[in-house]
Protein backbone atom coordinates (compact mmCIF):
# COMPACT_ATOMS: atom_id res chain seq x y z
CA UNK A 1 39.61 -26.82 -3.13
CA UNK A 2 38.93 -24.32 -6.62
CA UNK A 3 35.22 -26.46 -6.78
CA UNK A 4 34.27 -25.15 -3.45
CA UNK A 5 35.44 -21.90 -3.75
CA UNK A 6 33.37 -21.35 -7.24
CA UNK A 7 30.74 -22.90 -5.40
CA UNK A 8 30.71 -20.46 -2.87
CA UNK A 9 30.85 -17.91 -5.56
CA UNK A 10 28.11 -18.83 -7.47
CA UNK A 11 25.86 -19.27 -4.09
CA UNK A 12 26.85 -15.82 -3.02
CA UNK A 13 26.18 -14.13 -6.82
CA UNK A 14 22.77 -16.01 -6.44
CA UNK A 15 21.81 -14.68 -3.28
CA UNK A 16 23.19 -11.32 -4.03
CA UNK A 17 20.81 -11.20 -6.79
CA UNK A 18 17.91 -12.37 -5.24
CA UNK A 19 18.44 -9.88 -2.00
CA UNK A 20 18.98 -6.97 -5.15
CA UNK A 21 15.83 -7.82 -6.74
CA UNK A 22 13.98 -8.10 -3.45
CA UNK A 23 14.80 -4.49 -2.06
CA UNK A 24 13.75 -3.18 -5.80
CA UNK A 25 10.49 -4.83 -5.02
CA UNK A 26 10.33 -3.57 -1.77
CA UNK A 27 11.17 0.05 -2.57
CA UNK A 28 8.79 -0.46 -5.64
CA UNK A 29 6.06 -1.51 -2.57
CA UNK A 30 6.88 1.47 -0.14
CA UNK A 31 6.35 3.84 -2.98
CA UNK A 32 3.07 2.25 -3.93
CA UNK A 33 2.20 2.79 0.07
CA UNK A 34 3.58 6.54 -0.05
CA UNK A 35 1.18 6.94 -2.99
CA UNK A 36 -1.78 5.45 -1.14
CA UNK A 37 -0.95 8.09 1.97
CA UNK A 38 -0.98 10.95 -0.53
CA UNK A 39 -4.92 9.58 -1.35
CA UNK A 40 -5.61 8.86 2.26
CA UNK A 41 -4.27 12.61 3.13
CA UNK A 42 -6.28 14.45 0.58
CA UNK A 43 -9.63 12.90 1.56
CA UNK A 44 -9.00 13.40 5.35
CA UNK A 45 -8.14 17.31 4.15
CA UNK A 46 -11.39 16.99 2.05
CA UNK A 47 -9.45 17.80 -0.90
CA UNK A 48 -11.65 15.94 -3.97
CA UNK A 49 -9.03 17.30 -6.87
CA UNK A 50 -5.78 16.33 -4.94
CA UNK A 51 -7.57 12.74 -4.34
CA UNK A 52 -8.38 12.42 -7.93
CA UNK A 53 -5.00 13.28 -9.02
CA UNK A 54 -3.11 11.58 -6.19
CA UNK A 55 -5.45 8.07 -7.16
CA UNK A 56 -3.84 8.47 -10.81
CA UNK A 57 -0.43 8.39 -9.66
CA UNK A 58 -1.40 5.27 -7.16
CA UNK A 59 -2.67 3.40 -10.15
CA UNK A 60 0.57 4.26 -11.70
CA UNK A 61 2.71 2.65 -8.81
CA UNK A 62 0.64 -0.53 -8.99
CA UNK A 63 2.50 -0.99 -12.65
CA UNK A 64 5.90 -0.42 -11.37
CA UNK A 65 5.90 -3.19 -8.97
CA UNK A 66 8.06 -6.09 -9.85
CA UNK A 67 6.03 -9.02 -8.96
CA UNK A 68 7.49 -11.75 -10.43
CA UNK A 69 10.27 -12.21 -8.03
CA UNK A 70 7.55 -12.84 -4.83
CA UNK A 71 7.51 -16.07 -3.25
CA UNK A 72 4.32 -18.16 -4.60
CA UNK A 73 1.64 -17.10 -2.16
CA UNK A 74 2.98 -13.56 -2.08
CA UNK A 75 2.49 -13.32 -5.90
CA UNK A 76 -0.94 -14.95 -5.78
CA UNK A 77 -2.11 -12.18 -3.40
CA UNK A 78 -0.32 -9.54 -4.88
CA UNK A 79 -2.02 -10.19 -8.34
CA UNK A 80 -5.52 -10.23 -6.77
CA UNK A 81 -4.88 -7.18 -4.95
CA UNK A 82 -3.61 -5.46 -7.51
CA UNK A 83 -6.63 -5.51 -9.64
CA UNK A 84 -8.47 -4.29 -6.72
CA UNK A 85 -6.11 -1.53 -6.27
CA UNK A 86 -6.29 -0.40 -9.53
CA UNK A 87 -9.70 -0.35 -10.05
CA UNK A 88 -10.69 1.45 -6.94
CA UNK A 89 -8.23 4.01 -7.80
CA UNK A 90 -9.56 4.32 -11.04
CA UNK A 91 -13.13 4.49 -9.63
CA UNK A 92 -11.88 7.23 -7.05
CA UNK A 93 -10.22 9.01 -9.80
CA UNK A 94 -13.17 9.18 -11.81
CA UNK A 95 -15.40 10.02 -8.71
CA UNK A 96 -17.81 13.07 -9.16
CA UNK A 97 -17.86 13.74 -5.71
CA UNK A 98 -16.07 13.11 -2.35
CA UNK A 99 -18.88 11.00 -1.00
CA UNK A 100 -18.13 8.76 -3.96
CA UNK A 101 -14.38 9.02 -3.90
CA UNK A 102 -14.57 7.64 -0.16
CA UNK A 103 -16.57 4.86 -0.65
CA UNK A 104 -13.97 3.73 -3.29
CA UNK A 105 -11.22 4.34 -1.06
CA UNK A 106 -12.67 1.84 1.71
CA UNK A 107 -11.89 -1.13 -0.81
CA UNK A 108 -8.56 0.20 -2.02
CA UNK A 109 -7.88 0.41 1.81
CA UNK A 110 -9.11 -3.00 2.32
CA UNK A 111 -6.70 -4.39 -0.34
CA UNK A 112 -3.85 -2.17 0.63
CA UNK A 113 -4.31 -3.86 4.35
CA UNK A 114 -4.12 -7.24 3.11
CA UNK A 115 -1.09 -6.52 0.92
CA UNK A 116 0.96 -4.60 3.97
CA UNK A 117 -0.15 -7.39 6.39
CA UNK A 118 0.96 -10.48 3.86
CA UNK A 119 3.58 -9.31 1.86
CA UNK A 120 5.50 -7.31 4.72
CA UNK A 121 7.68 -4.65 2.47
CA UNK A 122 7.00 -1.69 4.71
CA UNK A 123 10.30 -0.13 5.69
CA UNK A 124 8.65 2.24 8.39
CA UNK A 125 5.68 1.33 10.90
CA UNK A 126 2.33 1.42 9.49
CA UNK A 127 -1.09 1.89 11.72
CA UNK A 128 -4.05 0.18 10.64
CA UNK A 129 -6.75 2.63 11.82
CA UNK A 130 -10.51 2.01 12.11
CA UNK A 131 -13.50 4.29 11.84
CA UNK A 132 -16.51 3.02 13.91
CA UNK A 133 -19.17 5.45 11.87
CA UNK A 134 -18.13 3.81 8.58
CA UNK A 135 -17.18 0.36 10.01
CA UNK A 136 -14.08 0.82 7.54
CA UNK A 137 -10.22 0.87 8.29
CA UNK A 138 -7.23 2.52 6.46
CA UNK A 139 -3.44 2.54 6.54
CA UNK A 140 -1.89 5.85 8.06
CA UNK A 141 1.98 6.82 8.57
CA UNK A 142 1.24 8.21 11.93
CA UNK A 143 -0.24 7.10 14.86
CA UNK A 144 -2.44 10.37 15.09
CA UNK A 145 -5.85 9.65 13.35
CA UNK A 146 -6.54 11.43 10.20
CA UNK A 147 -9.99 9.84 9.03
CA UNK A 148 -9.92 9.93 5.38
CA UNK A 149 -13.93 8.97 5.63
CA UNK A 150 -15.56 11.74 7.26
CA UNK A 151 -12.37 14.45 6.58
CA UNK A 152 -12.78 17.80 8.54
CA UNK A 153 -16.04 16.72 9.81
CA UNK A 154 -14.72 13.95 12.29
CA UNK A 155 -11.11 14.54 11.34
CA UNK A 156 -9.65 12.36 14.53
CA UNK A 157 -12.74 10.19 14.81
CA UNK A 158 -11.46 6.39 15.22
CA UNK A 159 -8.86 4.35 16.51
CA UNK A 160 -5.71 2.21 15.91
CA UNK A 161 -6.66 -1.52 15.26
CA UNK A 162 -3.33 -2.62 14.64
CA UNK A 163 0.20 -1.54 14.17
CA UNK A 164 2.50 -3.40 11.58
CA UNK A 165 6.05 -2.97 12.43
CA UNK A 166 8.60 -2.28 9.90
CA UNK A 167 10.72 -5.07 7.88
């Protein structure tokens, strides 16, 4: 009987440890997603300097992800996409004008979309929105369109291509 109780205790402790590690990872991913939204919102509002500042913050959030506890397939995907996210965030931060920043945001968004779809960490609904003019998509925390590729010129141009429900 003692052996069974000890085994149950060991299993419970290991499950709690895994769940705690996963919750910390999910929290870090959600902070990354919030930083991404900050960049998107700055571009949608035509605020080049704010986009630069927020892209630097986004880059820092990539480094905060504790990815070693992810399952193998998710870990591989994260390693690939995190490089793209960091590279494009750095390019965006260094962009000399908002047009260049928006171009960097395209591949940054593609990497974020792939990450959210496959790792499924989001604690709120995420909307994948698409701009037919640029032929590019982005993530939004709201269903209403806020086009980061055209900003005030075509703020509400686009459509919701996909809804990713919260975890």
